Protein backbone atom coordinates (compact mmCIF):
# COMPACT_ATOMS: atom_id res chain seq x y z
CA MET A 1 73.65 131.04 119.88
CA THR A 2 77.27 130.50 120.92
CA ARG A 3 78.26 128.32 123.84
CA GLN A 4 79.15 131.41 125.88
CA GLU A 5 75.76 132.94 125.11
CA GLN A 6 74.06 129.70 126.13
CA LEU A 7 75.93 129.74 129.43
CA GLN A 8 74.93 133.33 130.02
CA GLU A 9 71.30 132.36 129.40
CA LEU A 10 71.60 129.59 131.98
CA PHE A 11 72.88 132.14 134.50
CA HIS A 12 70.19 134.63 133.58
CA ASN A 13 67.38 132.09 133.94
CA ASN A 14 68.80 130.53 137.11
CA GLN A 15 69.29 127.14 135.48
CA TYR A 16 72.97 126.57 136.24
CA PHE A 17 73.76 123.69 138.58
CA LYS A 18 77.40 122.65 138.88
CA MET A 19 78.47 119.23 140.08
CA ILE A 20 81.83 119.50 141.86
CA CYS A 21 83.84 116.33 141.33
CA GLY A 22 86.71 117.89 143.29
CA ALA A 23 89.71 119.99 142.29
CA GLY A 24 91.97 117.35 143.80
CA ASN A 25 89.99 114.33 142.66
CA GLU A 26 92.06 112.55 140.00
CA ASP A 27 90.17 109.26 140.10
CA THR A 28 89.16 109.09 136.44
CA GLU A 29 86.54 106.34 136.82
CA GLU A 30 84.80 108.16 139.65
CA VAL A 31 84.75 111.38 137.62
CA ARG A 32 83.41 109.52 134.57
CA ARG A 33 80.50 108.08 136.57
CA LEU A 34 79.72 111.32 138.39
CA ALA A 35 79.75 113.18 135.07
CA MET A 36 77.39 110.68 133.46
CA ILE A 37 74.83 110.60 136.29
CA TYR A 38 74.73 114.35 136.86
CA THR A 39 74.59 115.10 133.14
CA LEU A 40 71.47 112.94 133.03
CA ALA A 41 70.19 114.71 136.17
CA GLY A 42 70.42 118.16 134.57
CA ALA A 43 73.73 119.58 135.80
CA LYS A 44 75.10 122.18 133.38
CA GLY A 45 78.53 122.48 134.97
CA LEU A 46 81.12 119.87 135.96
CA ASP A 47 84.00 121.07 138.15
CA ILE A 48 87.07 118.84 137.87
CA SER A 49 90.83 118.66 138.36
CA THR A 50 93.14 120.39 135.89
CA THR A 51 94.39 117.06 134.62
CA PRO A 52 94.08 116.03 130.94
CA ASP A 53 93.08 112.44 131.77
CA VAL A 54 90.35 113.71 134.11
CA VAL A 55 89.02 116.03 131.39
CA LYS A 56 88.89 113.05 129.02
CA ALA A 57 87.00 111.04 131.65
CA ALA A 58 84.47 113.83 132.19
CA MET A 59 83.94 114.19 128.44
CA ASP A 60 83.42 110.44 128.17
CA GLY A 61 80.93 110.51 131.04
CA ILE A 62 78.94 113.25 129.31
CA ASP A 63 78.98 111.33 126.02
CA ARG A 64 77.79 108.17 127.77
CA ALA A 65 74.90 110.15 129.27
CA TYR A 66 73.79 111.28 125.82
CA ASP A 67 74.18 107.73 124.48
CA ILE A 68 71.67 106.30 126.99
CA SER A 69 69.40 109.32 127.47
CA ASP A 70 66.82 108.13 124.92
CA LYS A 71 66.58 104.72 126.61
CA LEU A 72 65.83 106.48 129.89
CA GLY A 73 63.44 109.00 128.33
CA ILE A 74 65.62 111.98 129.29
CA ASP A 75 66.11 115.16 127.27
CA ILE A 76 69.46 116.52 128.45
CA GLY A 77 69.35 119.74 126.44
CA VAL A 78 72.40 122.01 126.70
CA ARG A 79 75.62 120.04 127.03
CA PRO A 80 77.32 120.61 130.42
CA TYR A 81 80.30 122.95 130.62
CA ILE A 82 83.49 121.45 132.00
CA MET A 83 85.33 123.75 134.40
CA VAL A 84 88.88 122.90 135.45
CA SER A 85 89.95 124.10 138.88
CA VAL A 86 93.35 125.45 139.83
CA GLY A 87 94.44 126.60 143.26
CA MET A 88 96.96 128.63 145.17
CA PRO A 89 99.43 127.10 147.64
CA GLY A 90 97.53 127.07 150.93
CA ASP A 91 94.09 126.64 149.39
CA HIS A 92 92.46 123.50 150.77
CA HIS A 93 90.91 122.50 147.43
CA VAL A 94 94.23 121.55 145.84
CA ARG A 95 96.23 120.15 148.73
CA LYS A 96 97.04 116.51 149.42
CA ALA A 97 97.26 114.81 152.82
CA LEU A 98 100.55 113.30 153.98
CA ILE A 99 100.65 110.87 156.92
CA ASN A 100 103.88 110.60 158.89
CA GLU A 101 104.47 106.86 159.21
CA ASP A 102 106.91 107.37 162.09
CA THR A 103 104.36 109.08 164.35
CA CYS A 104 101.19 107.30 163.16
CA VAL A 105 99.73 105.08 165.91
CA LYS A 106 97.55 103.15 163.42
CA CYS A 107 94.34 103.92 165.29
CA GLY A 108 92.35 103.87 162.05
CA LEU A 109 90.28 106.96 162.87
CA CYS A 110 91.18 108.68 159.60
CA VAL A 111 89.95 105.81 157.40
CA ALA A 112 86.48 105.84 155.78
CA PRO A 113 83.81 106.85 156.65
CA VAL A 114 85.78 109.85 157.98
CA CYS A 115 87.54 110.21 154.63
CA PRO A 116 84.71 111.02 152.19
CA THR A 117 86.55 109.71 149.13
CA GLU A 118 88.16 106.59 150.67
CA ALA A 119 91.57 108.09 149.94
CA ILE A 120 93.20 106.48 152.99
CA GLU A 121 93.97 102.78 152.92
CA PRO A 122 92.97 100.55 155.86
CA ILE A 123 95.69 100.14 158.47
CA GLN A 124 96.86 96.67 157.42
CA ILE A 125 99.97 97.73 155.58
CA LYS A 126 103.71 97.39 155.50
CA VAL A 127 105.95 100.21 156.64
CA GLU A 128 106.93 101.13 153.11
CA THR A 129 103.35 101.28 151.81
CA ALA A 130 101.79 104.71 151.33
CA PHE A 131 98.73 105.51 153.42
CA VAL A 132 97.14 108.12 151.19
CA ILE A 133 95.81 107.35 147.72
CA THR A 134 96.85 110.65 146.17
CA GLU A 135 94.46 110.47 143.21
CA LYS A 136 91.46 110.28 145.55
CA CYS A 137 92.50 112.86 148.18
CA ILE A 138 90.60 116.16 147.88
CA GLY A 139 92.31 117.92 150.80
CA CYS A 140 89.16 118.30 152.90
CA GLY A 141 90.97 118.05 156.25
CA ALA A 142 88.64 115.49 157.82
CA CYS A 143 91.50 113.08 158.54
CA SER A 144 93.69 115.59 160.38
CA ALA A 145 90.69 116.82 162.37
CA VAL A 146 90.22 113.41 164.01
CA CYS A 147 93.88 112.41 164.26
CA PRO A 148 94.97 112.20 167.94
CA ILE A 149 98.63 112.87 167.12
CA VAL A 150 99.62 116.51 166.58
CA GLU A 151 101.09 117.13 163.11
CA CYS A 152 100.99 113.47 162.16
CA ILE A 153 98.93 114.49 159.14
CA THR A 154 100.19 117.44 157.11
CA TYR A 155 99.40 118.74 153.63
CA SER A 156 101.33 119.46 150.46
CA HIS A 157 100.30 121.70 147.59
CA ASN A 158 99.46 119.80 144.41
CA GLU A 159 101.85 121.78 142.23
CA LYS A 160 101.17 121.62 138.51
CA ALA A 161 102.64 123.22 135.39
CA LEU A 162 99.45 125.18 134.81
CA GLU A 163 100.68 127.23 131.87
CA GLU A 164 101.07 123.96 129.98
CA LEU A 165 98.10 122.08 131.43
CA LEU A 166 95.40 124.73 130.99
CA PRO A 167 95.69 124.90 127.17
CA GLN A 168 95.75 121.09 127.03
CA CYS A 169 92.59 120.84 129.12
CA LEU A 170 90.82 123.45 126.99
CA GLU A 171 91.79 121.63 123.80
CA LEU A 172 90.33 118.42 125.23
CA GLY A 173 86.95 120.02 125.91
CA ALA A 174 87.09 122.12 129.06
CA GLU A 175 85.47 125.54 128.54
CA ASN A 176 85.84 127.34 131.87
CA ILE A 177 88.60 127.77 134.44
CA GLU A 178 88.19 128.34 138.16
CA LEU A 179 90.87 129.80 140.42
CA HIS A 180 90.54 128.81 144.07
CA ALA A 181 91.89 131.90 145.76
CA ALA A 182 91.18 131.33 149.46
CA VAL A 183 94.55 132.67 150.59
CA ALA A 184 95.57 136.01 152.02
CA GLU A 185 97.99 137.34 149.36
CA THR A 186 95.97 139.34 146.82
CA ASP A 187 98.96 140.32 144.64
CA VAL A 188 99.97 136.69 144.17
CA ILE A 189 96.39 135.76 143.34
CA MET A 190 96.17 138.44 140.67
CA LYS A 191 99.21 136.97 138.91
CA GLU A 192 97.48 133.60 138.84
CA TRP A 193 94.24 135.22 137.62
CA GLU A 194 96.19 136.86 134.81
CA MET A 195 97.41 133.41 133.76
CA VAL A 196 93.81 132.11 133.82
CA ILE A 197 92.60 135.00 131.64
CA LYS A 198 95.50 134.55 129.24
CA ALA A 199 94.62 130.86 128.81
CA ASN A 200 90.88 131.47 128.32
CA PRO A 201 90.38 135.15 127.38
CA ASP A 202 86.97 134.80 125.71
CA GLY A 203 85.42 132.26 128.06
CA HIS A 204 83.69 132.47 131.42
CA ASN A 205 86.20 132.09 134.24
CA SER A 206 85.50 131.78 137.94
CA MET A 207 87.23 133.03 141.07
CA CYS A 208 86.33 131.03 144.16
CA LEU A 209 86.54 133.10 147.35
CA ASP A 210 85.60 132.56 150.97
CA ARG A 211 86.07 134.82 153.98
CA LEU A 212 88.41 132.69 156.05
CA HIS A 213 91.50 134.84 155.47
CA ILE A 214 89.97 138.13 154.30
CA GLY A 215 87.25 140.52 155.43
CA ASN A 216 84.51 142.12 153.38
CA PHE A 217 86.61 145.10 152.26
CA GLN A 218 89.46 142.87 151.09
CA LEU A 219 86.92 140.69 149.31
CA LYS A 220 85.62 143.73 147.45
CA ASP A 221 89.14 144.87 146.56
CA ARG A 222 90.09 141.44 145.22
CA ILE A 223 87.00 141.19 143.04
CA GLU A 224 87.46 144.72 141.68
CA LYS A 225 91.02 143.90 140.65
CA ALA A 226 89.86 140.69 138.97
CA LEU A 227 87.07 142.50 137.10
CA GLU A 228 89.56 145.02 135.71
CA MET A 229 91.44 142.15 134.07
CA THR A 230 88.34 140.37 132.72
CA LYS A 231 86.18 141.10 129.70
CA PRO A 232 82.70 142.37 130.66
CA GLY A 233 80.25 139.62 131.53
CA LEU A 234 82.76 136.78 131.67
CA MET A 235 83.58 136.66 135.39
CA ILE A 236 81.92 134.22 137.75
CA LEU A 237 82.29 134.71 141.49
CA GLN A 238 81.93 131.46 143.37
CA ALA A 239 80.81 132.44 146.88
CA ASP A 240 82.46 129.69 148.89
CA GLY A 241 80.79 129.65 152.28
CA TYR A 242 82.23 126.80 154.32
CA PRO A 243 84.27 124.75 151.84
CA MET A 244 83.87 120.98 151.69
CA SER A 245 81.38 120.87 154.55
CA GLY A 246 78.20 119.80 152.76
CA GLY A 247 77.72 116.49 154.51
CA ARG A 248 74.45 117.49 156.16
CA ASN A 249 71.22 118.67 154.59
CA ASP A 250 70.30 121.58 156.85
CA PHE A 251 70.10 125.36 156.63
CA ASN A 252 73.03 125.99 158.98
CA THR A 253 75.46 124.05 156.78
CA THR A 254 74.67 126.21 153.76
CA LEU A 255 74.32 129.50 155.66
CA GLN A 256 77.83 130.82 154.97
CA ALA A 257 77.52 130.30 151.21
CA VAL A 258 74.42 132.48 151.14
CA ALA A 259 76.01 135.04 153.48
CA THR A 260 79.10 135.36 151.27
CA ALA A 261 76.90 135.82 148.20
CA ASP A 262 74.96 138.52 150.04
CA VAL A 263 78.17 140.42 150.77
CA VAL A 264 79.21 140.19 147.11
CA ASN A 265 75.79 141.26 145.82
CA LYS A 266 75.70 144.32 148.06
CA GLN A 267 79.07 145.43 146.76
CA PHE A 268 78.56 144.71 143.06
CA ASN A 269 75.02 143.79 142.06
CA MET A 270 72.99 146.23 144.19
CA ARG A 271 72.68 150.00 144.43
CA LEU A 272 71.19 152.50 146.84
CA ASN A 273 67.70 153.68 145.96
CA LYS A 274 67.97 157.36 146.81
CA LYS A 275 64.21 157.72 147.20
CA ASP A 276 63.72 155.32 150.10
CA LYS A 277 67.39 154.86 151.10
CA GLN A 278 67.21 151.10 150.53
CA LEU A 279 69.55 148.80 148.65
CA ILE A 280 67.94 147.35 145.55
CA TYR A 281 69.25 145.05 142.84
CA LYS A 282 70.63 146.65 139.71
CA ARG A 283 68.93 145.86 136.43
CA ARG A 284 72.34 144.89 135.06
CA ARG A 285 74.56 142.84 137.30
CA GLU A 286 78.33 143.04 137.28
CA LEU A 287 78.99 139.48 138.41
CA ASN A 288 77.51 136.04 138.02
CA VAL A 289 77.31 134.69 141.57
CA VAL A 290 77.41 130.93 142.16
CA LEU A 291 76.79 129.56 145.66
CA SER A 292 79.14 126.88 146.99
CA GLY A 293 80.75 125.58 150.16
CA GLY A 294 78.37 123.60 152.37
CA THR A 295 75.69 123.65 149.69
CA ASN A 296 72.89 121.10 149.70
CA SER A 297 69.23 120.73 148.67
CA LEU A 298 68.22 123.69 150.88
CA THR A 299 70.68 126.25 149.51
CA ALA A 300 68.40 127.92 146.98
CA ASP A 301 65.49 128.03 149.44
CA LEU A 302 67.64 129.74 152.08
CA ALA A 303 68.88 132.30 149.56
CA LEU A 304 65.32 133.09 148.50
CA GLN A 305 64.22 133.52 152.10
CA GLY A 306 66.92 136.16 152.52
CA ASN A 307 66.33 137.78 149.09
CA VAL A 308 69.88 136.87 148.08
CA ARG A 309 70.00 136.53 144.31
CA PHE A 310 72.28 134.05 142.62
CA GLN A 311 72.90 132.73 139.13
CA GLY A 312 73.86 129.18 140.01
CA VAL A 313 74.53 126.63 142.73
CA ALA A 314 77.58 124.35 142.92
CA VAL A 315 77.42 121.24 145.09
CA GLY A 316 80.26 118.83 145.83
CA THR A 317 80.36 116.68 148.96
CA PHE A 318 76.59 116.45 149.37
CA ALA A 319 76.00 115.66 145.69
CA ARG A 320 78.65 112.95 145.59
CA ASN A 321 77.49 111.31 148.81
CA LEU A 322 73.93 111.05 147.52
CA ILE A 323 74.85 108.66 144.73
CA TYR A 324 78.02 106.94 145.96
CA LYS A 325 76.01 103.80 146.77
CA HIS A 326 74.96 103.51 143.13
CA ILE A 327 78.25 104.40 141.47
CA LYS A 328 80.82 102.62 143.63
CA GLU A 329 79.11 100.14 145.96
CA VAL A 330 76.73 98.30 143.67
CA TYR A 331 79.57 98.14 141.13
CA ASP A 332 83.12 99.01 142.16
CA TYR A 333 85.23 101.20 139.91
CA ASN A 334 86.77 98.18 138.18
CA ASP A 335 83.41 96.71 137.19
CA MET A 336 82.29 98.09 133.82
CA GLU A 337 78.95 96.29 134.11
CA PHE A 338 77.89 99.51 135.86
CA TYR A 339 77.25 101.09 132.44
CA ASN A 340 74.86 98.33 131.38
CA ASP A 341 72.63 98.37 134.47
CA LEU A 342 70.01 100.91 133.43
CA ASN A 343 67.90 100.31 136.53
CA ASN A 344 70.78 101.26 138.81
CA ILE A 345 71.63 104.25 136.61
CA ARG A 346 67.99 105.36 136.65
CA GLU A 347 67.87 105.21 140.45
CA ALA A 348 71.04 107.32 140.72
CA TYR A 349 69.71 109.77 138.12
CA LEU A 350 66.44 110.27 140.02
CA ILE A 351 68.32 110.98 143.25
CA GLY A 352 70.62 113.46 141.51
CA LYS A 353 67.74 115.10 139.67
CA GLN A 354 65.97 115.86 142.96
CA LEU A 355 69.05 117.75 144.13
CA VAL A 356 69.45 119.62 140.85
CA ASP A 357 65.76 120.55 140.69
CA SER A 358 65.84 121.86 144.26
CA ASN A 359 68.46 124.43 143.25
CA ILE A 360 67.43 125.65 139.78
CA ASN A 361 64.61 127.86 138.52
CA LYS A 362 64.38 129.34 142.02
CA GLY A 363 66.05 132.73 141.69
CA GLU A 364 64.58 135.93 140.27
CA SER A 365 65.93 136.84 136.84
CA TYR A 366 67.42 140.25 136.25
CA GLY A 367 65.76 142.60 133.82
CA SER A 368 68.84 142.40 131.60
CA ASN A 369 71.73 139.99 131.40
CA THR A 370 74.10 142.58 130.00
CA TYR A 371 76.74 144.17 132.16
CA ILE A 372 77.94 147.56 133.29
CA ARG A 373 80.64 148.94 135.54
CA SER A 374 79.11 151.59 137.73
């Protein structure tokens, strides 16, 4: 079985859990540790920045997980798929915060714990020192939300030479690409999607969409255009409910992810039963739907309660927060003793595994995992 066939089986059997390290997270040691722990925990996808060094770190984290799996009595099974994320200007996943030093009042409100990745240095700095640690910033917007000074914190797009970087990342071990397309301009997005398909024509590629800028009809139109450019069966639609909001473990936080998936399913993976005039799921789906954006340990349960089928769940903020104590507080990112402390690693693994297990093997499989356009 090829790697693409294995991935399709994971989707078909509802066994795909993706750990989102962050499209803007370029902290290689954090990515390495997240990759190792969640590989042990059963994640089959790792979503990372389109940065060669970050891909290397994720690969190393996966390898380290396999190296110690026997000692921990863990059978990892299928090797996780690395997905590199790219984004459009205006998409929050790939922006970086900028703090205006002239208007900053040094109140300290934007510093951790408000910043989930500790990307803002404490306010004990010289004028010429940068506030934001660019490699750690994921563009979540938490800092600007609490800032009392209007427009003190702005954002810049993390521009990258993607036509050069994507092939490099694929050569280093990435197998999937995700385009974060949460902006209004469909035509511009399609040009970027064409670049994604050109870079990885025979692999599964994902388009991440939410409904902040577009309504249901525009969502349908955008997906149809993307499907026309993609080989059958290779498109993933990441239903991004409320991006980067998964700090709490409740149903309301994950509601929009399930709602977005429901809209997508009704347009592409369901049909009208003429006999009883009810929408039913097709035997052959057109899209693999992955839930994201505010996802947590209750995401799969909420989807099942609403009969919203899905092929995978992607969790970022909530998944990272669960194990931060073990990966960066017990041992900071400069302390390599982290990799020798199997008790600490085991504790982090068990926490991560609970989250993974709560979101896999929950959905109903389709009768066939082949595809049609109807």
